């Protein structure tokens, strides 16, 4: 079984992936793969991500590659990066990585295909929308994409950024996001919602919509790939 490395850009989704992979091994009654987790510190990642949003990707690429190389030296044979924004520079990373990387958008789009989705709604920050991260992968599989636009995108982005910084999620914020989703559902319709930000798990949408969690799919794909020795 191949060892799995996790670059912890944000702690919560990284720990969720770590726990999910360990739980899969336990539930399957098999030996757990070796798991390595690397973090250069949230402050460094936040600074690099902020620079990336300003069009400067150099610091982010170097920081992530540093984490990848550290995991490689530790013995990781597969690496995942549980962060949506970082996957906007996936091509720059994968061509320099000494270890196979798993693309979060590929894993998520594949799950949507398995669910026989004809159309999905993507929720996330502005960077996710501007990069077309999920739109491109889903279109390749013939799946239509519905995304917020204009003011709705701004409102959603601000709510998620506030939540990322530890601000308590208000009832108004929850209602605003629900209104955005309902508006998209009425306008175009969709079969499932992709929760393309870890903070969206706090909103309990699963009771109202079919939801696809990219971090869950990323961990599932890592577990699947770990089964093969080559």
Protein backbone atom coordinates (compact mmCIF):
# COMPACT_ATOMS: atom_id res chain seq x y z
CA UNK A 1 0.00 0.00 0.00
CA UNK A 2 1.38 3.39 -0.99
CA UNK A 3 2.03 6.12 1.57
CA UNK A 4 -0.10 9.27 1.34
CA UNK A 5 1.13 12.81 1.95
CA UNK A 6 -1.14 15.76 2.75
CA UNK A 7 -0.07 19.38 2.26
CA UNK A 8 -2.04 21.19 4.98
CA UNK A 9 -2.68 24.61 3.50
CA UNK A 10 -5.71 24.90 5.79
CA UNK A 11 -5.86 22.69 8.84
CA UNK A 12 -9.55 21.73 8.92
CA UNK A 13 -9.87 20.15 5.44
CA UNK A 14 -6.41 18.55 5.81
CA UNK A 15 -7.38 16.91 9.10
CA UNK A 16 -10.70 15.84 7.63
CA UNK A 17 -8.92 14.06 4.77
CA UNK A 18 -6.44 12.49 7.20
CA UNK A 19 -9.26 11.18 9.41
CA UNK A 20 -11.34 9.98 6.46
CA UNK A 21 -8.49 7.91 5.01
CA UNK A 22 -7.68 6.42 8.42
CA UNK A 23 -11.36 5.61 8.97
CA UNK A 24 -11.63 3.91 5.59
CA UNK A 25 -8.78 1.59 6.50
CA UNK A 26 -10.36 0.79 9.86
CA UNK A 27 -13.81 0.15 8.37
CA UNK A 28 -12.35 -2.05 5.64
CA UNK A 29 -10.42 -4.05 8.21
CA UNK A 30 -7.12 -3.50 6.44
CA UNK A 31 -3.81 -1.97 7.40
CA UNK A 32 -3.83 1.81 7.27
CA UNK A 33 -1.50 3.37 4.71
CA UNK A 34 1.28 5.52 6.09
CA UNK A 35 0.00 9.08 6.35
CA UNK A 36 2.20 12.17 6.39
CA UNK A 37 0.94 15.69 7.00
CA UNK A 38 3.04 18.80 6.28
CA UNK A 39 2.26 22.39 7.21
CA UNK A 40 4.50 25.41 6.77
CA UNK A 41 2.15 27.43 9.00
CA UNK A 42 -1.17 29.02 8.18
CA UNK A 43 0.25 32.56 8.18
CA UNK A 44 2.69 31.74 5.37
CA UNK A 45 -0.05 30.14 3.29
CA UNK A 46 -2.43 33.05 3.85
CA UNK A 47 0.22 35.53 2.71
CA UNK A 48 0.99 33.45 -0.39
CA UNK A 49 -2.70 33.02 -1.21
CA UNK A 50 -3.30 36.76 -0.84
CA UNK A 51 -0.42 37.45 -3.22
CA UNK A 52 -1.85 34.91 -5.65
CA UNK A 53 -5.20 36.71 -5.63
CA UNK A 54 -3.26 39.81 -6.71
CA UNK A 55 -1.85 37.88 -9.67
CA UNK A 56 1.46 36.84 -8.10
CA UNK A 57 1.70 33.05 -8.01
CA UNK A 58 5.46 32.65 -7.45
CA UNK A 59 5.34 32.54 -3.64
CA UNK A 60 2.43 30.10 -3.58
CA UNK A 61 4.03 27.74 -6.09
CA UNK A 62 7.31 27.71 -4.16
CA UNK A 63 5.60 27.22 -0.80
CA UNK A 64 3.51 24.28 -2.01
CA UNK A 65 6.47 22.70 -3.79
CA UNK A 66 8.45 22.99 -0.55
CA UNK A 67 5.72 21.03 1.21
CA UNK A 68 5.59 18.46 -1.58
CA UNK A 69 9.35 17.94 -1.45
CA UNK A 70 9.27 17.56 2.34
CA UNK A 71 6.57 14.89 2.03
CA UNK A 72 8.56 13.15 -0.69
CA UNK A 73 11.61 12.99 1.58
CA UNK A 74 9.43 11.61 4.38
CA UNK A 75 8.30 8.77 2.11
CA UNK A 76 4.98 9.90 0.63
CA UNK A 77 4.16 8.21 -2.69
CA UNK A 78 0.89 10.04 -3.39
CA UNK A 79 0.14 13.63 -2.39
CA UNK A 80 -3.10 15.54 -1.95
CA UNK A 81 -3.58 19.25 -1.29
CA UNK A 82 -6.98 19.87 0.37
CA UNK A 83 -7.42 23.45 -0.81
CA UNK A 84 -9.39 24.71 -3.80
CA UNK A 85 -7.35 27.85 -4.50
CA UNK A 86 -4.09 25.90 -4.78
CA UNK A 87 -5.60 23.71 -7.49
CA UNK A 88 -5.83 26.81 -9.68
CA UNK A 89 -2.04 26.40 -10.08
CA UNK A 90 -2.16 22.60 -10.28
CA UNK A 91 -0.50 22.47 -13.69
CA UNK A 92 2.49 24.43 -12.39
CA UNK A 93 2.80 22.04 -9.45
CA UNK A 94 2.29 18.68 -11.12
CA UNK A 95 5.03 19.27 -13.69
CA UNK A 96 7.58 19.91 -10.91
CA UNK A 97 6.42 17.38 -8.33
CA UNK A 98 8.51 14.22 -7.79
CA UNK A 99 5.37 12.47 -6.53
CA UNK A 100 1.95 11.96 -8.21
CA UNK A 101 -0.57 14.64 -7.22
CA UNK A 102 -4.33 14.11 -7.16
CA UNK A 103 -6.48 16.87 -8.66
CA UNK A 104 -9.45 17.80 -6.47
CA UNK A 105 -11.53 18.95 -9.45
CA UNK A 106 -10.95 15.68 -11.34
CA UNK A 107 -12.05 13.62 -8.33
CA UNK A 108 -15.12 15.81 -7.80
CA UNK A 109 -16.19 15.81 -11.45
CA UNK A 110 -15.87 12.02 -11.52
CA UNK A 111 -18.22 11.74 -8.55
CA UNK A 112 -20.76 13.98 -10.30
CA UNK A 113 -20.55 11.70 -13.32
CA UNK A 114 -21.11 8.64 -11.10
CA UNK A 115 -24.23 10.35 -9.71
CA UNK A 116 -25.47 10.78 -13.31
CA UNK A 117 -25.63 14.55 -12.89
CA UNK A 118 -26.63 16.50 -15.97
CA UNK A 119 -26.11 19.85 -14.29
CA UNK A 120 -24.48 20.94 -11.02
CA UNK A 121 -24.28 24.12 -8.97
CA UNK A 122 -20.81 25.18 -7.82
CA UNK A 123 -20.44 27.26 -4.65
CA UNK A 124 -17.13 28.74 -3.56
CA UNK A 125 -15.03 31.89 -3.46
CA UNK A 126 -14.41 34.26 -6.36
CA UNK A 127 -11.12 32.57 -7.19
CA UNK A 128 -12.90 29.27 -7.83
CA UNK A 129 -15.28 30.95 -10.25
CA UNK A 130 -12.70 33.14 -11.98
CA UNK A 131 -10.33 30.23 -12.58
CA UNK A 132 -13.02 27.93 -13.98
CA UNK A 133 -11.54 25.20 -11.79
CA UNK A 134 -14.61 22.97 -11.75
CA UNK A 135 -16.31 24.33 -14.85
CA UNK A 136 -13.62 22.99 -17.17
CA UNK A 137 -13.50 19.51 -15.66
CA UNK A 138 -17.28 19.14 -15.59
CA UNK A 139 -17.69 20.42 -19.14
CA UNK A 140 -15.21 17.78 -20.30
CA UNK A 141 -17.62 15.16 -18.93
CA UNK A 142 -20.63 16.81 -20.55
CA UNK A 143 -22.01 18.22 -17.29
CA UNK A 144 -23.50 21.72 -17.29
CA UNK A 145 -22.45 24.13 -14.55
CA UNK A 146 -24.50 26.75 -12.74
CA UNK A 147 -22.63 29.39 -10.74
CA UNK A 148 -23.60 32.59 -8.92
CA UNK A 149 -22.81 35.79 -10.75
CA UNK A 150 -22.71 39.51 -10.05
CA UNK A 151 -23.88 40.54 -6.59
CA UNK A 152 -24.62 36.96 -5.54
CA UNK A 153 -21.01 35.98 -6.14
CA UNK A 154 -19.80 38.95 -4.08
CA UNK A 155 -22.15 38.13 -1.21
CA UNK A 156 -21.13 34.47 -1.17
CA UNK A 157 -17.43 35.34 -1.32
CA UNK A 158 -17.67 37.73 1.62
CA UNK A 159 -19.61 35.27 3.78
CA UNK A 160 -17.06 32.53 3.13
CA UNK A 161 -14.09 34.84 3.75
CA UNK A 162 -15.61 35.96 7.06
CA UNK A 163 -16.17 32.35 8.08
CA UNK A 164 -12.59 31.48 7.14
CA UNK A 165 -11.38 34.19 9.52
CA UNK A 166 -13.39 32.69 12.37
CA UNK A 167 -16.44 34.94 12.27
CA UNK A 168 -19.58 33.27 13.61
CA UNK A 169 -22.03 32.40 10.86
CA UNK A 170 -25.22 34.39 11.36
CA UNK A 171 -28.73 33.34 10.46
CA UNK A 172 -28.75 36.15 7.90
CA UNK A 173 -25.65 34.68 6.23
CA UNK A 174 -27.24 31.25 6.09
CA UNK A 175 -30.44 32.68 4.64
CA UNK A 176 -28.48 34.70 2.08
CA UNK A 177 -26.71 31.61 0.77
CA UNK A 178 -29.96 29.64 0.75
CA UNK A 179 -31.56 32.43 -1.29
CA UNK A 180 -28.66 32.36 -3.77
CA UNK A 181 -29.02 28.60 -4.21
CA UNK A 182 -32.80 28.81 -4.58
CA UNK A 183 -32.40 31.54 -7.18
CA UNK A 184 -29.97 29.40 -9.18
CA UNK A 185 -32.25 26.39 -8.85
CA UNK A 186 -35.22 28.35 -10.15
CA UNK A 187 -33.25 29.95 -12.97
CA UNK A 188 -31.43 26.92 -14.39
CA UNK A 189 -31.98 23.89 -12.18
CA UNK A 190 -29.30 21.42 -11.12
CA UNK A 191 -28.92 17.89 -9.82
CA UNK A 192 -26.30 18.49 -7.12
CA UNK A 193 -24.30 21.18 -5.33
CA UNK A 194 -20.49 21.15 -5.19
CA UNK A 195 -19.33 22.62 -1.87
CA UNK A 196 -16.07 24.10 -3.18
CA UNK A 197 -15.01 25.69 0.11
CA UNK A 198 -14.43 23.92 3.41
CA UNK A 199 -16.52 26.51 5.27
CA UNK A 200 -19.63 25.45 3.33
CA UNK A 201 -19.77 22.28 5.44
CA UNK A 202 -20.91 24.54 8.29
CA UNK A 203 -24.17 25.36 6.52
CA UNK A 204 -25.75 21.88 6.62
CA UNK A 205 -26.94 21.90 3.00
CA UNK A 206 -27.02 18.10 2.86
CA UNK A 207 -30.52 18.08 4.33
CA UNK A 208 -31.84 20.11 1.41
CA UNK A 209 -29.73 19.24 -1.64
CA UNK A 210 -27.61 16.44 -3.05
CA UNK A 211 -24.14 17.70 -2.14
CA UNK A 212 -20.70 16.71 -3.38
CA UNK A 213 -17.83 17.48 -1.02
CA UNK A 214 -14.56 17.93 -2.98
CA UNK A 215 -12.43 17.15 0.08
CA UNK A 216 -14.26 13.88 0.63
CA UNK A 217 -13.72 12.94 -3.01
CA UNK A 218 -10.04 13.89 -2.77
CA UNK A 219 -9.56 11.60 0.24
CA UNK A 220 -11.50 8.81 -1.49
CA UNK A 221 -9.27 9.04 -4.55
CA UNK A 222 -6.13 8.99 -2.40
CA UNK A 223 -7.40 5.89 -0.61
CA UNK A 224 -8.16 4.24 -3.95
CA UNK A 225 -4.72 5.02 -5.37
CA UNK A 226 -2.98 3.87 -2.20
CA UNK A 227 -4.20 0.33 -2.83
CA UNK A 228 -1.84 -0.04 -5.77
CA UNK A 229 1.86 -0.56 -5.20
CA UNK A 230 2.90 0.90 -8.55
